[in-house]
Amino acid sequence: MKKYLLPENVNWYRANMHCHTTCSDGTLTPEEVKEAYKNMGYSIVAYTDHEILLDHSDLNDEDFLAITSSEYSMNEAVPSFPKLSEGMYDWQRKKVYHMNIFSSDPHNVFQPAAHEDSIKWAENGKYVGTGKCDGYVRQYSKESINEVIRRCNEAGFLVQLNHPNWSLNEKEDYTGIEGLWSLEILNYATECISGAEYCPYIYDEMVRSGMHDLFCSMGDDNHNRGRSLGHSFGGSTIIGAKELKYDQIFSALKNGEFYCTSGRENPPMIKALYVEDNMVKIDFTPAVKVFLTGYCRSFRFVDHENEEFTHAEFPLWESDVMFRITVRDKYGNNAHTHFYKVSDYLEK
């Protein structure tokens, strides 16, 4: 009997879950972002402009869906790292938490865990949102980030932790965070400029620290400065749903019915993922290596000596405890699943 880890008989929609426009510090308008991403085969964009929650449903059509979302920040008051030179700015040494919040209601622009003073971004220098918030003043602390997540969750939002390396987050900073929906394991814009924001190992650490229900996703964080598209289209989240409807897409995100993949054009895609006779079986677009990563020191891989293949199988062991799958293509791009619990799929 097949037990599907990714849903069968659905459509798969390519999404950018991290995006900035002229509504905050991006260069392209929301309409221009829609056009650029549709031209690259995307169906979904989460407009996560800084500190501002806007309803972009006027952009929706039968082939495109805008997710109502925002990027929140909490900044350390005192820099953690000592200056090594006089040219180092304080903001370069400060730790931050950046989180995307995604609304279950596309028309809800009331901002939980936000204060009037933090809602500062505007289009052409003029605020374009409602300014409605609960008045909460965020701080850089574990207590505050957990309170922010709690307030957002109660208001029907999913919360994602963004670019942990750029944020200077260390293990002590993300261990003990409660209520997160996902970790951004690739922030494409930051990866383009630093080579250090592809971080599945941090996802593994967070899961091993006890965050067993945490998902992983990818996004561009595109600002399109100079009207360039160079930082776009590199980190995608692939969402499975019957239709391109807001409630179905949000439900799929909430329930983990998605995977994520890197690569601008023709990134690796997972076509099917299921367990049958205690074997994990995967169908995918042409790849050169497939990995199973267990909860602890449990790793397995399949390759065909650099020849491309489209199917792989692994025995599922109780000692894996949890596992995730990575599919790597010949260009070094990776499709990632989140962690699954072995006990949900192993037949005794």
C-alpha atoms as a PDB file:
ATOM      1  CA  MET A   1       0.000   0.000   0.000  1.00  0.00           C
ATOM      2  CA  LYS A   2       1.336   3.396  -0.992  1.00  0.00           C
ATOM      3  CA  LYS A   3       1.416   6.143   1.621  1.00  0.00           C
ATOM      4  CA  TYR A   4       1.967   9.478  -0.090  1.00  0.00           C
ATOM      5  CA  LEU A   5       4.149  12.067   1.614  1.00  0.00           C
ATOM      6  CA  LEU A   6       3.417  14.667  -1.056  1.00  0.00           C
ATOM      7  CA  PRO A   7      -0.190  14.780  -2.284  1.00  0.00           C
ATOM      8  CA  GLU A   8      -1.139  12.978  -5.481  1.00  0.00           C
ATOM      9  CA  ASN A   9      -3.648  14.149  -8.097  1.00  0.00           C
ATOM     10  CA  VAL A  10      -3.001  17.848  -7.505  1.00  0.00           C
ATOM     11  CA  ASN A  11      -1.567  20.693  -9.533  1.00  0.00           C
ATOM     12  CA  TRP A  12       1.850  22.042  -8.587  1.00  0.00           C
ATOM     13  CA  TYR A  13       2.324  25.798  -8.385  1.00  0.00           C
ATOM     14  CA  ARG A  14       5.667  27.592  -8.283  1.00  0.00           C
ATOM     15  CA  ALA A  15       5.796  30.326  -5.640  1.00  0.00           C
ATOM     16  CA  ASN A  16       8.180  33.034  -4.474  1.00  0.00           C
ATOM     17  CA  MET A  17       7.585  33.320  -0.737  1.00  0.00           C
ATOM     18  CA  HIS A  18       9.787  36.402  -0.131  1.00  0.00           C
ATOM     19  CA  CYS A  19       9.489  39.567  -2.230  1.00  0.00           C
ATOM     20  CA  HIS A  20       9.887  43.348  -1.929  1.00  0.00           C
ATOM     21  CA  THR A  21       8.360  46.038  -4.134  1.00  0.00           C
ATOM     22  CA  THR A  22       8.018  49.812  -4.241  1.00  0.00           C
ATOM     23  CA  CYS A  23       5.664  49.444  -1.276  1.00  0.00           C
ATOM     24  CA  SER A  24       8.823  49.158   0.821  1.00  0.00           C
ATOM     25  CA  ASP A  25      12.426  49.095  -0.393  1.00  0.00           C
ATOM     26  CA  GLY A  26      12.054  47.256  -3.690  1.00  0.00           C
ATOM     27  CA  THR A  27      12.444  48.843  -7.118  1.00  0.00           C
ATOM     28  CA  LEU A  28       9.654  47.173  -9.101  1.00  0.00           C
ATOM     29  CA  THR A  29       5.966  47.851  -8.526  1.00  0.00           C
ATOM     30  CA  PRO A  30       3.736  44.943  -7.441  1.00  0.00           C
ATOM     31  CA  GLU A  31       2.386  44.844 -10.990  1.00  0.00           C
ATOM     32  CA  GLU A  32       5.868  44.650 -12.490  1.00  0.00           C
ATOM     33  CA  VAL A  33       6.822  41.857 -10.088  1.00  0.00           C
ATOM     34  CA  LYS A  34       3.722  39.929 -11.141  1.00  0.00           C
ATOM     35  CA  GLU A  35       4.606  40.275 -14.818  1.00  0.00           C
ATOM     36  CA  ALA A  36       8.238  39.224 -14.302  1.00  0.00           C
ATOM     37  CA  TYR A  37       7.364  36.167 -12.242  1.00  0.00           C
ATOM     38  CA  LYS A  38       4.516  35.027 -14.474  1.00  0.00           C
ATOM     39  CA  ASN A  39       6.901  35.194 -17.424  1.00  0.00           C
ATOM     40  CA  MET A  40       9.181  32.738 -15.572  1.00  0.00           C
ATOM     41  CA  GLY A  41       6.396  30.243 -14.884  1.00  0.00           C
ATOM     42  CA  TYR A  42       5.440  31.322 -11.362  1.00  0.00           C
ATOM     43  CA  SER A  43       1.825  31.223 -10.222  1.00  0.00           C
ATOM     44  CA  ILE A  44       2.212  32.699  -6.729  1.00  0.00           C
ATOM     45  CA  VAL A  45       4.057  35.606  -5.114  1.00  0.00           C
ATOM     46  CA  ALA A  46       3.962  36.454  -1.412  1.00  0.00           C
ATOM     47  CA  TYR A  47       4.376  40.244  -1.255  1.00  0.00           C
ATOM     48  CA  THR A  48       6.377  40.475   1.975  1.00  0.00           C
ATOM     49  CA  ASP A  49       7.112  44.189   2.027  1.00  0.00           C
ATOM     50  CA  HIS A  50       8.741  45.392   5.225  1.00  0.00           C
ATOM     51  CA  GLU A  51       6.479  46.143   8.183  1.00  0.00           C
ATOM     52  CA  ILE A  52       3.427  46.669   5.992  1.00  0.00           C
ATOM     53  CA  LEU A  53       0.541  44.291   5.308  1.00  0.00           C
ATOM     54  CA  LEU A  54      -1.243  44.945   2.018  1.00  0.00           C
ATOM     55  CA  ASP A  55      -4.053  43.197   0.170  1.00  0.00           C
ATOM     56  CA  HIS A  56      -2.858  42.673  -3.413  1.00  0.00           C
ATOM     57  CA  SER A  57      -5.803  40.529  -4.483  1.00  0.00           C
ATOM     58  CA  ASP A  58      -6.513  43.035  -7.267  1.00  0.00           C
ATOM     59  CA  LEU A  59      -3.548  41.403  -9.032  1.00  0.00           C
ATOM     60  CA  ASN A  60      -5.121  37.941  -8.969  1.00  0.00           C
ATOM     61  CA  ASP A  61      -6.227  36.228 -12.143  1.00  0.00           C
ATOM     62  CA  GLU A  62      -6.793  32.619 -13.209  1.00  0.00           C
ATOM     63  CA  ASP A  63      -3.029  32.071 -13.476  1.00  0.00           C
ATOM     64  CA  PHE A  64      -1.703  34.218 -10.625  1.00  0.00           C
ATOM     65  CA  LEU A  65      -2.264  34.530  -6.880  1.00  0.00           C
ATOM     66  CA  ALA A  66      -0.882  37.144  -4.477  1.00  0.00           C
ATOM     67  CA  ILE A  67      -0.414  36.097  -0.849  1.00  0.00           C
ATOM     68  CA  THR A  68      -1.093  38.782   1.758  1.00  0.00           C
ATOM     69  CA  SER A  69       2.076  38.907   3.831  1.00  0.00           C
ATOM     70  CA  SER A  70       4.750  41.059   5.433  1.00  0.00           C
ATOM     71  CA  GLU A  71       8.321  40.890   6.708  1.00  0.00           C
ATOM     72  CA  TYR A  72       8.779  41.791  10.371  1.00  0.00           C
ATOM     73  CA  SER A  73      12.069  42.617  12.050  1.00  0.00           C
ATOM     74  CA  MET A  74      13.452  42.720  15.587  1.00  0.00           C
ATOM     75  CA  ASN A  75      16.854  44.339  15.952  1.00  0.00           C
ATOM     76  CA  GLU A  76      19.395  43.917  18.720  1.00  0.00           C
ATOM     77  CA  ALA A  77      19.957  47.150  20.637  1.00  0.00           C
ATOM     78  CA  VAL A  78      23.645  46.545  21.399  1.00  0.00           C
ATOM     79  CA  PRO A  79      25.951  44.891  18.834  1.00  0.00           C
ATOM     80  CA  SER A  80      27.054  41.371  19.769  1.00  0.00           C
ATOM     81  CA  PHE A  81      30.358  41.451  17.931  1.00  0.00           C
ATOM     82  CA  PRO A  82      33.268  43.807  18.723  1.00  0.00           C
ATOM     83  CA  LYS A  83      34.483  46.173  16.046  1.00  0.00           C
ATOM     84  CA  LEU A  84      37.573  45.081  14.169  1.00  0.00           C
ATOM     85  CA  SER A  85      37.838  48.330  12.233  1.00  0.00           C
ATOM     86  CA  GLU A  86      36.512  51.880  12.429  1.00  0.00           C
ATOM     87  CA  GLY A  87      34.679  51.382   9.137  1.00  0.00           C
ATOM     88  CA  MET A  88      32.351  48.761  10.567  1.00  0.00           C
ATOM     89  CA  TYR A  89      28.848  50.122  11.158  1.00  0.00           C
ATOM     90  CA  ASP A  90      26.891  49.114  14.236  1.00  0.00           C
ATOM     91  CA  TRP A  91      24.090  47.611  12.133  1.00  0.00           C
ATOM     92  CA  GLN A  92      26.619  45.210  10.590  1.00  0.00           C
ATOM     93  CA  ARG A  93      27.378  43.827  14.058  1.00  0.00           C
ATOM     94  CA  LYS A  94      23.822  43.617  15.379  1.00  0.00           C
ATOM     95  CA  LYS A  95      21.872  40.392  15.421  1.00  0.00           C
ATOM     96  CA  VAL A  96      18.343  40.523  14.072  1.00  0.00           C
ATOM     97  CA  TYR A  97      15.290  38.336  13.701  1.00  0.00           C
ATOM     98  CA  HIS A  98      13.496  38.701  10.372  1.00  0.00           C
ATOM     99  CA  MET A  99      10.238  36.816   9.925  1.00  0.00           C
ATOM    100  CA  ASN A 100       7.688  36.598   7.154  1.00  0.00           C
ATOM    101  CA  ILE A 101       4.058  36.373   8.202  1.00  0.00           C
ATOM    102  CA  PHE A 102       1.482  34.943   5.775  1.00  0.00           C
ATOM    103  CA  SER A 103      -2.215  35.653   6.306  1.00  0.00           C
ATOM    104  CA  SER A 104      -4.934  32.985   6.095  1.00  0.00           C
ATOM    105  CA  ASP A 105      -7.313  35.756   4.965  1.00  0.00           C
ATOM    106  CA  PRO A 106      -6.200  37.666   1.863  1.00  0.00           C
ATOM    107  CA  HIS A 107      -8.241  40.717   2.909  1.00  0.00           C
ATOM    108  CA  ASN A 108      -7.007  40.887   6.507  1.00  0.00           C
ATOM    109  CA  VAL A 109      -4.580  43.802   6.808  1.00  0.00           C
ATOM    110  CA  PHE A 110      -4.746  44.167  10.603  1.00  0.00           C
ATOM    111  CA  GLN A 111      -1.178  43.686  11.769  1.00  0.00           C
ATOM    112  CA  PRO A 112      -0.637  41.550  14.869  1.00  0.00           C
ATOM    113  CA  ALA A 113       2.478  42.151  16.961  1.00  0.00           C
ATOM    114  CA  ALA A 114       3.011  45.589  15.424  1.00  0.00           C
ATOM    115  CA  HIS A 115       3.221  49.149  16.733  1.00  0.00           C
ATOM    116  CA  GLU A 116       2.424  52.368  14.849  1.00  0.00           C
ATOM    117  CA  ASP A 117       6.068  53.424  14.978  1.00  0.00           C
ATOM    118  CA  SER A 118       7.208  50.235  13.228  1.00  0.00           C
ATOM    119  CA  ILE A 119       4.803  50.614  10.296  1.00  0.00           C
ATOM    120  CA  LYS A 120       7.041  52.983   8.431  1.00  0.00           C
ATOM    121  CA  TRP A 121       7.498  51.808   4.853  1.00  0.00           C
ATOM    122  CA  ALA A 122       5.658  53.569   2.091  1.00  0.00           C
ATOM    123  CA  GLU A 123       5.261  53.798  -1.649  1.00  0.00           C
ATOM    124  CA  ASN A 124       6.904  56.999  -2.912  1.00  0.00           C
ATOM    125  CA  GLY A 125       7.280  58.234   0.653  1.00  0.00           C
ATOM    126  CA  LYS A 126       3.603  57.957   1.568  1.00  0.00           C
ATOM    127  CA  TYR A 127       2.183  55.169   3.689  1.00  0.00           C
ATOM    128  CA  VAL A 128      -0.335  53.131   1.698  1.00  0.00           C
ATOM    129  CA  GLY A 129      -1.621  50.652   4.308  1.00  0.00           C
ATOM    130  CA  THR A 130      -4.356  50.883   6.902  1.00  0.00           C
ATOM    131  CA  GLY A 131      -2.034  51.392   9.861  1.00  0.00           C
ATOM    132  CA  LYS A 132      -4.224  49.079  11.956  1.00  0.00           C
ATOM    133  CA  CYS A 133      -2.233  47.099  14.510  1.00  0.00           C
ATOM    134  CA  ASP A 134      -2.378  45.831  18.078  1.00  0.00           C
ATOM    135  CA  GLY A 135       0.292  48.220  19.402  1.00  0.00           C
ATOM    136  CA  TYR A 136       2.806  45.553  20.446  1.00  0.00           C
ATOM    137  CA  VAL A 137       6.402  46.824  20.644  1.00  0.00           C
ATOM    138  CA  ARG A 138       8.828  44.137  19.438  1.00  0.00           C
ATOM    139  CA  GLN A 139      12.186  43.589  21.066  1.00  0.00           C
ATOM    140  CA  TYR A 140      15.196  41.453  20.287  1.00  0.00           C
ATOM    141  CA  SER A 141      14.717  38.630  22.774  1.00  0.00           C
ATOM    142  CA  LYS A 142      13.570  35.019  22.809  1.00  0.00           C
ATOM    143  CA  GLU A 143      10.561  36.042  24.886  1.00  0.00           C
ATOM    144  CA  SER A 144       9.558  38.727  22.399  1.00  0.00           C
ATOM    145  CA  ILE A 145       9.965  36.582  19.299  1.00  0.00           C
ATOM    146  CA  ASN A 146       7.817  33.883  20.888  1.00  0.00           C
ATOM    147  CA  GLU A 147       5.193  36.492  21.754  1.00  0.00           C
ATOM    148  CA  VAL A 148       5.252  37.805  18.190  1.00  0.00           C
ATOM    149  CA  ILE A 149       4.760  34.303  16.811  1.00  0.00           C
ATOM    150  CA  ARG A 150       1.982  33.584  19.301  1.00  0.00           C
ATOM    151  CA  ARG A 151       0.092  36.747  18.375  1.00  0.00           C
ATOM    152  CA  CYS A 152       0.502  36.052  14.667  1.00  0.00           C
ATOM    153  CA  ASN A 153      -0.570  32.425  14.989  1.00  0.00           C
ATOM    154  CA  GLU A 154      -3.664  33.434  16.958  1.00  0.00           C
ATOM    155  CA  ALA A 155      -4.547  35.915  14.208  1.00  0.00           C
ATOM    156  CA  GLY A 156      -4.344  33.194  11.545  1.00  0.00           C
ATOM    157  CA  PHE A 157      -0.833  33.780  10.203  1.00  0.00           C
ATOM    158  CA  LEU A 158       1.937  31.336   9.369  1.00  0.00           C
ATOM    159  CA  VAL A 159       5.365  32.550  10.503  1.00  0.00           C
ATOM    160  CA  GLN A 160       8.663  31.872   8.759  1.00  0.00           C
ATOM    161  CA  LEU A 161      12.157  32.635  10.064  1.00  0.00           C
ATOM    162  CA  ASN A 162      14.244  34.241   7.317  1.00  0.00           C
ATOM    163  CA  HIS A 163      17.937  34.175   6.267  1.00  0.00           C
ATOM    164  CA  PRO A 164      19.465  33.046   9.589  1.00  0.00           C
ATOM    165  CA  ASN A 165      23.055  33.551   8.435  1.00  0.00           C
ATOM    166  CA  TRP A 166      22.529  37.152   7.283  1.00  0.00           C
ATOM    167  CA  SER A 167      20.732  37.735  10.590  1.00  0.00           C
ATOM    168  CA  LEU A 168      23.822  36.484  12.483  1.00  0.00           C
ATOM    169  CA  ASN A 169      21.613  33.951  14.235  1.00  0.00           C
ATOM    170  CA  GLU A 170      23.481  31.341  16.262  1.00  0.00           C
ATOM    171  CA  LYS A 171      22.105  28.111  17.658  1.00  0.00           C
ATOM    172  CA  GLU A 172      21.258  29.825  20.942  1.00  0.00           C
ATOM    173  CA  ASP A 173      19.159  32.358  19.019  1.00  0.00           C
ATOM    174  CA  TYR A 174      16.821  29.890  17.312  1.00  0.00           C
ATOM    175  CA  THR A 175      16.761  27.061  19.850  1.00  0.00           C
ATOM    176  CA  GLY A 176      13.607  27.430  21.925  1.00  0.00           C
ATOM    177  CA  ILE A 177      11.600  29.413  19.403  1.00  0.00           C
ATOM    178  CA  GLU A 178       7.997  28.194  19.530  1.00  0.00           C
ATOM    179  CA  GLY A 179       5.236  28.149  16.935  1.00  0.00           C
ATOM    180  CA  LEU A 180       7.305  28.679  13.777  1.00  0.00           C
ATOM    181  CA  TRP A 181       5.835  27.280  10.578  1.00  0.00           C
ATOM    182  CA  SER A 182       8.979  27.222   8.421  1.00  0.00           C
ATOM    183  CA  LEU A 183      12.647  28.103   8.071  1.00  0.00           C
ATOM    184  CA  GLU A 184      13.875  29.792   4.895  1.00  0.00           C
ATOM    185  CA  ILE A 185      16.724  27.436   3.939  1.00  0.00           C
ATOM    186  CA  LEU A 186      17.631  29.444   0.826  1.00  0.00           C
ATOM    187  CA  ASN A 187      17.419  33.213   0.587  1.00  0.00           C
ATOM    188  CA  TYR A 188      18.453  33.635  -3.025  1.00  0.00           C
ATOM    189  CA  ALA A 189      19.333  37.344  -2.995  1.00  0.00           C
ATOM    190  CA  THR A 190      21.619  36.959   0.013  1.00  0.00           C
ATOM    191  CA  GLU A 191      23.115  33.780  -1.413  1.00  0.00           C
ATOM    192  CA  CYS A 192      23.929  35.703  -4.604  1.00  0.00           C
ATOM    193  CA  ILE A 193      25.940  38.326  -2.732  1.00  0.00           C
ATOM    194  CA  SER A 194      27.433  36.227   0.097  1.00  0.00           C
ATOM    195  CA  GLY A 195      27.480  32.577  -0.941  1.00  0.00           C
ATOM    196  CA  ALA A 196      26.354  31.817   2.620  1.00  0.00           C
ATOM    197  CA  GLU A 197      22.558  31.700   2.724  1.00  0.00           C
ATOM    198  CA  TYR A 198      21.877  28.144   1.597  1.00  0.00           C
ATOM    199  CA  CYS A 199      21.512  26.593   5.038  1.00  0.00           C
ATOM    200  CA  PRO A 200      19.703  23.225   5.271  1.00  0.00           C
ATOM    201  CA  TYR A 201      22.095  22.326   8.105  1.00  0.00           C
ATOM    202  CA  ILE A 202      20.438  24.997  10.270  1.00  0.00           C
ATOM    203  CA  TYR A 203      17.084  23.421   9.497  1.00  0.00           C
ATOM    204  CA  ASP A 204      18.473  20.073  10.683  1.00  0.00           C
ATOM    205  CA  GLU A 205      19.744  21.678  13.897  1.00  0.00           C
ATOM    206  CA  MET A 206      16.382  23.286  14.601  1.00  0.00           C
ATOM    207  CA  VAL A 207      14.516  20.021  14.090  1.00  0.00           C
ATOM    208  CA  ARG A 208      16.979  18.131  16.276  1.00  0.00           C
ATOM    209  CA  SER A 209      16.538  20.788  18.964  1.00  0.00           C
ATOM    210  CA  GLY A 210      12.896  19.701  19.271  1.00  0.00           C
ATOM    211  CA  MET A 211      11.085  21.656  16.535  1.00  0.00           C
ATOM    212  CA  HIS A 212       9.786  18.447  14.965  1.00  0.00           C
ATOM    213  CA  ASP A 213       6.902  20.046  13.062  1.00  0.00           C
ATOM    214  CA  LEU A 214       9.019  22.722  11.385  1.00  0.00           C
ATOM    215  CA  PHE A 215       8.862  22.918   7.583  1.00  0.00           C
ATOM    216  CA  CYS A 216      11.454  24.371   5.191  1.00  0.00           C
ATOM    217  CA  SER A 217      10.950  26.736   2.268  1.00  0.00           C
ATOM    218  CA  MET A 218      12.901  28.906  -0.165  1.00  0.00           C
ATOM    219  CA  GLY A 219      12.429  32.443  -1.441  1.00  0.00           C
ATOM    220  CA  ASP A 220      14.149  35.144  -3.451  1.00  0.00           C
ATOM    221  CA  ASP A 221      14.009  38.182  -1.147  1.00  0.00           C
ATOM    222  CA  ASN A 222      14.187  40.118  -4.410  1.00  0.00           C
ATOM    223  CA  HIS A 223      14.503  43.904  -4.285  1.00  0.00           C
ATOM    224  CA  ASN A 224      15.372  44.237  -7.979  1.00  0.00           C
ATOM    225  CA  ARG A 225      17.658  47.203  -7.351  1.00  0.00           C
ATOM    226  CA  GLY A 226      18.594  48.966 -10.530  1.00  0.00           C
ATOM    227  CA  ARG A 227      15.573  47.162 -11.981  1.00  0.00           C
ATOM    228  CA  SER A 228      17.733  44.063 -12.297  1.00  0.00           C
ATOM    229  CA  LEU A 229      16.197  40.574 -12.154  1.00  0.00           C
ATOM    230  CA  GLY A 230      19.520  39.018 -11.137  1.00  0.00           C
ATOM    231  CA  HIS A 231      18.306  38.191  -7.621  1.00  0.00           C
ATOM    232  CA  SER A 232      14.985  36.761  -8.797  1.00  0.00           C
ATOM    233  CA  PHE A 233      13.792  33.249  -9.661  1.00  0.00           C
ATOM    234  CA  GLY A 234      16.447  31.323  -7.708  1.00  0.00           C
ATOM    235  CA  GLY A 235      14.536  30.048  -4.662  1.00  0.00           C
ATOM    236  CA  SER A 236      11.100  28.539  -5.212  1.00  0.00           C
ATOM    237  CA  THR A 237       8.498  26.819  -3.070  1.00  0.00           C
ATOM    238  CA  ILE A 238       6.386  24.304  -5.015  1.00  0.00           C
ATOM    239  CA  ILE A 239       2.857  23.999  -3.621  1.00  0.00           C
ATOM    240  CA  GLY A 240       0.387  21.193  -4.340  1.00  0.00           C
ATOM    241  CA  ALA A 241      -3.339  22.014  -4.552  1.00  0.00           C
ATOM    242  CA  LYS A 242      -6.361  21.147  -6.661  1.00  0.00           C
ATOM    243  CA  GLU A 243      -6.872  24.754  -7.731  1.00  0.00           C
ATOM    244  CA  LEU A 244      -5.103  28.082  -7.588  1.00  0.00           C
ATOM    245  CA  LYS A 245      -7.428  29.383  -4.872  1.00  0.00           C
ATOM    246  CA  TYR A 246      -6.264  31.291  -1.815  1.00  0.00           C
ATOM    247  CA  ASP A 247      -7.831  28.949   0.745  1.00  0.00           C
ATOM    248  CA  GLN A 248      -6.429  25.849  -0.973  1.00  0.00           C
ATOM    249  CA  ILE A 249      -2.933  27.282  -1.281  1.00  0.00           C
ATOM    250  CA  PHE A 250      -2.896  28.426   2.351  1.00  0.00           C
ATOM    251  CA  SER A 251      -4.161  25.016   3.509  1.00  0.00           C
ATOM    252  CA  ALA A 252      -1.418  23.286   1.510  1.00  0.00           C
ATOM    253  CA  LEU A 253       1.214  25.531   3.083  1.00  0.00           C
ATOM    254  CA  LYS A 254      -0.149  24.999   6.575  1.00  0.00           C
ATOM    255  CA  ASN A 255      -0.219  21.206   6.140  1.00  0.00           C
ATOM    256  CA  GLY A 256       3.202  20.857   4.535  1.00  0.00           C
ATOM    257  CA  GLU A 257       1.914  19.883   1.100  1.00  0.00           C
ATOM    258  CA  PHE A 258       4.866  21.486  -0.661  1.00  0.00           C
ATOM    259  CA  TYR A 259       8.586  21.202  -1.211  1.00  0.00           C
ATOM    260  CA  CYS A 260      11.215  23.765  -2.200  1.00  0.00           C
ATOM    261  CA  THR A 261      13.784  23.925  -4.959  1.00  0.00           C
ATOM    262  CA  SER A 262      16.724  26.046  -6.134  1.00  0.00           C
ATOM    263  CA  GLY A 263      17.641  27.119  -9.644  1.00  0.00           C
ATOM    264  CA  ARG A 264      16.463  29.886 -11.947  1.00  0.00           C
ATOM    265  CA  GLU A 265      15.395  27.933 -15.023  1.00  0.00           C
ATOM    266  CA  ASN A 266      14.160  24.338 -14.930  1.00  0.00           C
ATOM    267  CA  PRO A 267      15.010  23.672 -11.260  1.00  0.00           C
ATOM    268  CA  PRO A 268      14.791  20.046 -10.094  1.00  0.00           C
ATOM    269  CA  MET A 269      11.229  18.957  -9.398  1.00  0.00           C
ATOM    270  CA  ILE A 270       9.783  16.104  -7.359  1.00  0.00           C
ATOM    271  CA  LYS A 271       6.970  14.327  -9.202  1.00  0.00           C
ATOM    272  CA  ALA A 272       5.988  11.772  -6.543  1.00  0.00           C
ATOM    273  CA  LEU A 273       7.061  10.864  -3.014  1.00  0.00           C
ATOM    274  CA  TYR A 274       5.587   7.870  -1.192  1.00  0.00           C
ATOM    275  CA  VAL A 275       6.344   4.924   1.081  1.00  0.00           C
ATOM    276  CA  GLU A 276       5.582   1.411  -0.126  1.00  0.00           C
ATOM    277  CA  ASP A 277       6.648  -1.820   1.625  1.00  0.00           C
ATOM    278  CA  ASN A 278       8.816   0.219   3.990  1.00  0.00           C
ATOM    279  CA  MET A 279      10.673   1.767   1.062  1.00  0.00           C
ATOM    280  CA  VAL A 280      10.767   5.500   0.425  1.00  0.00           C
ATOM    281  CA  LYS A 281      10.250   5.969  -3.327  1.00  0.00           C
ATOM    282  CA  ILE A 282      10.809   9.179  -5.272  1.00  0.00           C
ATOM    283  CA  ASP A 283      10.120  10.185  -8.871  1.00  0.00           C
ATOM    284  CA  PHE A 284      11.707  13.404 -10.113  1.00  0.00           C
ATOM    285  CA  THR A 285      13.021  15.326 -13.084  1.00  0.00           C
ATOM    286  CA  PRO A 286      16.523  14.250 -14.255  1.00  0.00           C
ATOM    287  CA  ALA A 287      19.031  14.358 -11.387  1.00  0.00           C
ATOM    288  CA  VAL A 288      22.490  13.001 -10.580  1.00  0.00           C
ATOM    289  CA  LYS A 289      22.157  12.323  -6.843  1.00  0.00           C
ATOM    290  CA  VAL A 290      19.414  11.789  -4.270  1.00  0.00           C
ATOM    291  CA  PHE A 291      19.908  11.854  -0.500  1.00  0.00           C
ATOM    292  CA  LEU A 292      17.932  10.625   2.485  1.00  0.00           C
ATOM    293  CA  THR A 293      18.874  12.563   5.618  1.00  0.00           C
ATOM    294  CA  GLY A 294      17.801  11.063   8.931  1.00  0.00           C
ATOM    295  CA  TYR A 295      17.162  12.725  12.263  1.00  0.00           C
ATOM    296  CA  CYS A 296      20.597  11.909  13.673  1.00  0.00           C
ATOM    297  CA  ARG A 297      23.644  10.337  11.982  1.00  0.00           C
ATOM    298  CA  SER A 298      21.647   8.451   9.390  1.00  0.00           C
ATOM    299  CA  PHE A 299      22.446   9.230   5.753  1.00  0.00           C
ATOM    300  CA  ARG A 300      21.968   7.378   2.482  1.00  0.00           C
ATOM    301  CA  PHE A 301      22.287   8.355  -1.153  1.00  0.00           C
ATOM    302  CA  VAL A 302      21.731   7.048  -4.654  1.00  0.00           C
ATOM    303  CA  ASP A 303      23.747   8.043  -7.706  1.00  0.00           C
ATOM    304  CA  HIS A 304      24.523   6.488 -11.077  1.00  0.00           C
ATOM    305  CA  GLU A 305      28.121   7.677 -11.446  1.00  0.00           C
ATOM    306  CA  ASN A 306      27.022  11.145 -12.631  1.00  0.00           C
ATOM    307  CA  GLU A 307      24.515   9.779 -15.125  1.00  0.00           C
ATOM    308  CA  GLU A 308      21.054  11.310 -14.826  1.00  0.00           C
ATOM    309  CA  PHE A 309      18.148   9.248 -13.506  1.00  0.00           C
ATOM    310  CA  THR A 310      14.532   9.916 -12.490  1.00  0.00           C
ATOM    311  CA  HIS A 311      13.674   7.397  -9.745  1.00  0.00           C
ATOM    312  CA  ALA A 312      15.252   6.417  -6.436  1.00  0.00           C
ATOM    313  CA  GLU A 313      14.358   4.165  -3.500  1.00  0.00           C
ATOM    314  CA  PHE A 314      15.589   3.886   0.072  1.00  0.00           C
ATOM    315  CA  PRO A 315      14.769   1.386   2.813  1.00  0.00           C
ATOM    316  CA  LEU A 316      13.007   3.140   5.685  1.00  0.00           C
ATOM    317  CA  TRP A 317      14.499   2.313   9.074  1.00  0.00           C
ATOM    318  CA  GLU A 318      13.048   2.900  12.517  1.00  0.00           C
ATOM    319  CA  SER A 319      16.439   4.264  13.591  1.00  0.00           C
ATOM    320  CA  ASP A 320      16.007   7.151  11.104  1.00  0.00           C
ATOM    321  CA  VAL A 321      13.347   8.561  13.495  1.00  0.00           C
ATOM    322  CA  MET A 322      12.666  11.337  10.975  1.00  0.00           C
ATOM    323  CA  PHE A 323      13.868  11.838   7.415  1.00  0.00           C
ATOM    324  CA  ARG A 324      13.952  14.329   4.575  1.00  0.00           C
ATOM    325  CA  ILE A 325      14.819  13.953   0.883  1.00  0.00           C
ATOM    326  CA  THR A 326      17.141  16.027  -1.323  1.00  0.00           C
ATOM    327  CA  VAL A 327      17.217  15.706  -5.128  1.00  0.00           C
ATOM    328  CA  ARG A 328      20.278  17.261  -6.799  1.00  0.00           C
ATOM    329  CA  ASP A 329      20.575  17.978 -10.516  1.00  0.00           C
ATOM    330  CA  LYS A 330      23.722  18.193 -12.648  1.00  0.00           C
ATOM    331  CA  TYR A 331      23.937  21.950 -12.096  1.00  0.00           C
ATOM    332  CA  GLY A 332      24.079  21.583  -8.307  1.00  0.00           C
ATOM    333  CA  ASN A 333      20.510  22.769  -7.716  1.00  0.00           C
ATOM    334  CA  ASN A 334      18.557  21.013  -4.972  1.00  0.00           C
ATOM    335  CA  ALA A 335      14.930  20.107  -4.358  1.00  0.00           C
ATOM    336  CA  HIS A 336      14.216  19.633  -0.653  1.00  0.00           C
ATOM    337  CA  THR A 337      11.364  18.093   1.293  1.00  0.00           C
ATOM    338  CA  HIS A 338      10.725  18.874   4.933  1.00  0.00           C
ATOM    339  CA  PHE A 339      11.225  16.230   7.632  1.00  0.00           C
ATOM    340  CA  TYR A 340       8.730  13.390   7.976  1.00  0.00           C
ATOM    341  CA  LYS A 341       8.263  11.166  11.032  1.00  0.00           C
ATOM    342  CA  VAL A 342       9.130   7.530  10.339  1.00  0.00           C
ATOM    343  CA  SER A 343       6.429   6.283  12.722  1.00  0.00           C
ATOM    344  CA  ASP A 344       3.744   7.769  10.453  1.00  0.00           C
ATOM    345  CA  TYR A 345       4.805   5.591   7.506  1.00  0.00           C
ATOM    346  CA  LEU A 346       6.636   2.488   8.741  1.00  0.00           C
ATOM    347  CA  GLU A 347       4.663  -0.753   8.685  1.00  0.00           C
ATOM    348  CA  LYS A 348       5.350  -3.008  11.659  1.00  0.00           C
END
